[in-house]
C-alpha atoms as a PDB file:
ATOM      1  CA  MET A   1    -151.208 167.350-146.621  1.00  0.00           C
ATOM      2  CA  ALA A   2    -150.806 163.936-146.784  1.00  0.00           C
ATOM      3  CA  ARG A   3    -147.173 162.386-147.743  1.00  0.00           C
ATOM      4  CA  TYR A   4    -146.955 158.847-149.762  1.00  0.00           C
ATOM      5  CA  VAL A   5    -143.974 156.761-148.903  1.00  0.00           C
ATOM      6  CA  TYR A   6    -143.395 153.904-150.878  1.00  0.00           C
ATOM      7  CA  ARG A   7    -141.945 150.826-149.478  1.00  0.00           C
ATOM      8  CA  ARG A   8    -140.676 147.863-150.589  1.00  0.00           C
ATOM      9  CA  ASN A   9    -142.818 144.665-150.044  1.00  0.00           C
ATOM     10  CA  TRP A  10    -140.897 141.838-147.342  1.00  0.00           C
ATOM     11  CA  PHE A  11    -140.992 139.412-150.216  1.00  0.00           C
ATOM     12  CA  GLY A  12    -139.182 142.063-153.084  1.00  0.00           C
ATOM     13  CA  ARG A  13    -136.607 142.605-150.501  1.00  0.00           C
ATOM     14  CA  ILE A  14    -135.613 139.056-149.705  1.00  0.00           C
ATOM     15  CA  LEU A  15    -135.588 138.211-153.219  1.00  0.00           C
ATOM     16  CA  LEU A  16    -133.411 141.492-153.841  1.00  0.00           C
ATOM     17  CA  VAL A  17    -130.178 139.975-151.758  1.00  0.00           C
ATOM     18  CA  LEU A  18    -130.810 136.819-152.741  1.00  0.00           C
ATOM     19  CA  VAL A  19    -130.327 137.686-156.297  1.00  0.00           C
ATOM     20  CA  SER A  20    -127.920 140.025-155.132  1.00  0.00           C
ATOM     21  CA  ILE A  21    -125.108 137.429-153.283  1.00  0.00           C
ATOM     22  CA  PRO A  22    -124.454 135.386-156.424  1.00  0.00           C
ATOM     23  CA  LEU A  23    -124.261 138.064-158.949  1.00  0.00           C
ATOM     24  CA  ILE A  24    -121.665 140.445-156.350  1.00  0.00           C
ATOM     25  CA  ALA A  25    -120.128 136.909-155.954  1.00  0.00           C
ATOM     26  CA  PHE A  26    -119.179 136.240-160.254  1.00  0.00           C
ATOM     27  CA  PHE A  27    -118.235 140.103-160.386  1.00  0.00           C
ATOM     28  CA  GLY A  28    -115.965 139.827-157.231  1.00  0.00           C
ATOM     29  CA  ARG A  29    -114.789 136.272-158.825  1.00  0.00           C
ATOM     30  CA  GLN A  30    -114.252 137.915-162.632  1.00  0.00           C
ATOM     31  CA  VAL A  31    -112.303 141.092-161.209  1.00  0.00           C
ATOM     32  CA  TYR A  32    -110.418 138.906-159.076  1.00  0.00           C
ATOM     33  CA  TYR A  33    -108.752 136.991-162.429  1.00  0.00           C
ATOM     34  CA  TRP A  34    -108.167 139.912-164.068  1.00  0.00           C
ATOM     35  CA  LEU A  35    -106.175 141.654-161.130  1.00  0.00           C
ATOM     36  CA  LEU A  36    -104.223 138.791-159.917  1.00  0.00           C
ATOM     37  CA  PRO A  37    -101.747 138.918-163.211  1.00  0.00           C
ATOM     38  CA  LEU A  38    -101.461 142.181-162.441  1.00  0.00           C
ATOM     39  CA  LEU A  39    -100.425 142.623-158.878  1.00  0.00           C
ATOM     40  CA  PRO A  40     -96.693 141.512-159.534  1.00  0.00           C
ATOM     41  CA  VAL A  41     -96.472 144.252-162.008  1.00  0.00           C
ATOM     42  CA  VAL A  42     -98.312 146.434-159.399  1.00  0.00           C
ATOM     43  CA  ALA A  43     -95.591 146.042-156.809  1.00  0.00           C
ATOM     44  CA  ALA A  44     -92.473 145.968-159.060  1.00  0.00           C
ATOM     45  CA  VAL A  45     -94.018 149.524-160.006  1.00  0.00           C
ATOM     46  CA  THR A  46     -94.140 150.775-156.432  1.00  0.00           C
ATOM     47  CA  ILE A  47     -91.009 149.354-155.229  1.00  0.00           C
ATOM     48  CA  PHE A  48     -89.483 150.852-157.997  1.00  0.00           C
ATOM     49  CA  MET A  49     -91.270 154.491-157.286  1.00  0.00           C
ATOM     50  CA  VAL A  50     -90.096 154.042-153.258  1.00  0.00           C
ATOM     51  CA  LEU A  51     -86.265 153.156-154.456  1.00  0.00           C
ATOM     52  CA  TRP A  52     -85.801 155.940-156.542  1.00  0.00           C
ATOM     53  CA  TRP A  53     -87.569 158.701-153.674  1.00  0.00           C
ATOM     54  CA  VAL A  54     -85.282 157.247-151.589  1.00  0.00           C
ATOM     55  CA  ALA A  55     -82.270 157.300-154.028  1.00  0.00           C
ATOM     56  CA  PHE A  56     -83.160 161.165-155.307  1.00  0.00           C
ATOM     57  CA  ARG A  57     -84.221 163.015-152.993  1.00  0.00           C
ATOM     58  CA  ARG A  58     -83.029 166.319-151.732  1.00  0.00           C
ATOM     59  CA  ARG A  59     -81.203 166.385-148.576  1.00  0.00           C
ATOM     60  CA  TYR A  60     -81.090 169.364-146.958  1.00  0.00           C
END
């Protein structure tokens, strides 16, 4: 029994790469601009949690 495997055209692959690079760059930039203002908050919460753990851990 013959099995048919669909192979994408080489031109389609090149076109897919050329279209996906600007899309990845655009969405990466959008995520960067949304996350950049939140980085100080995340850093402060992380430092607070570490200091809380150091101050209130049980000593045996």
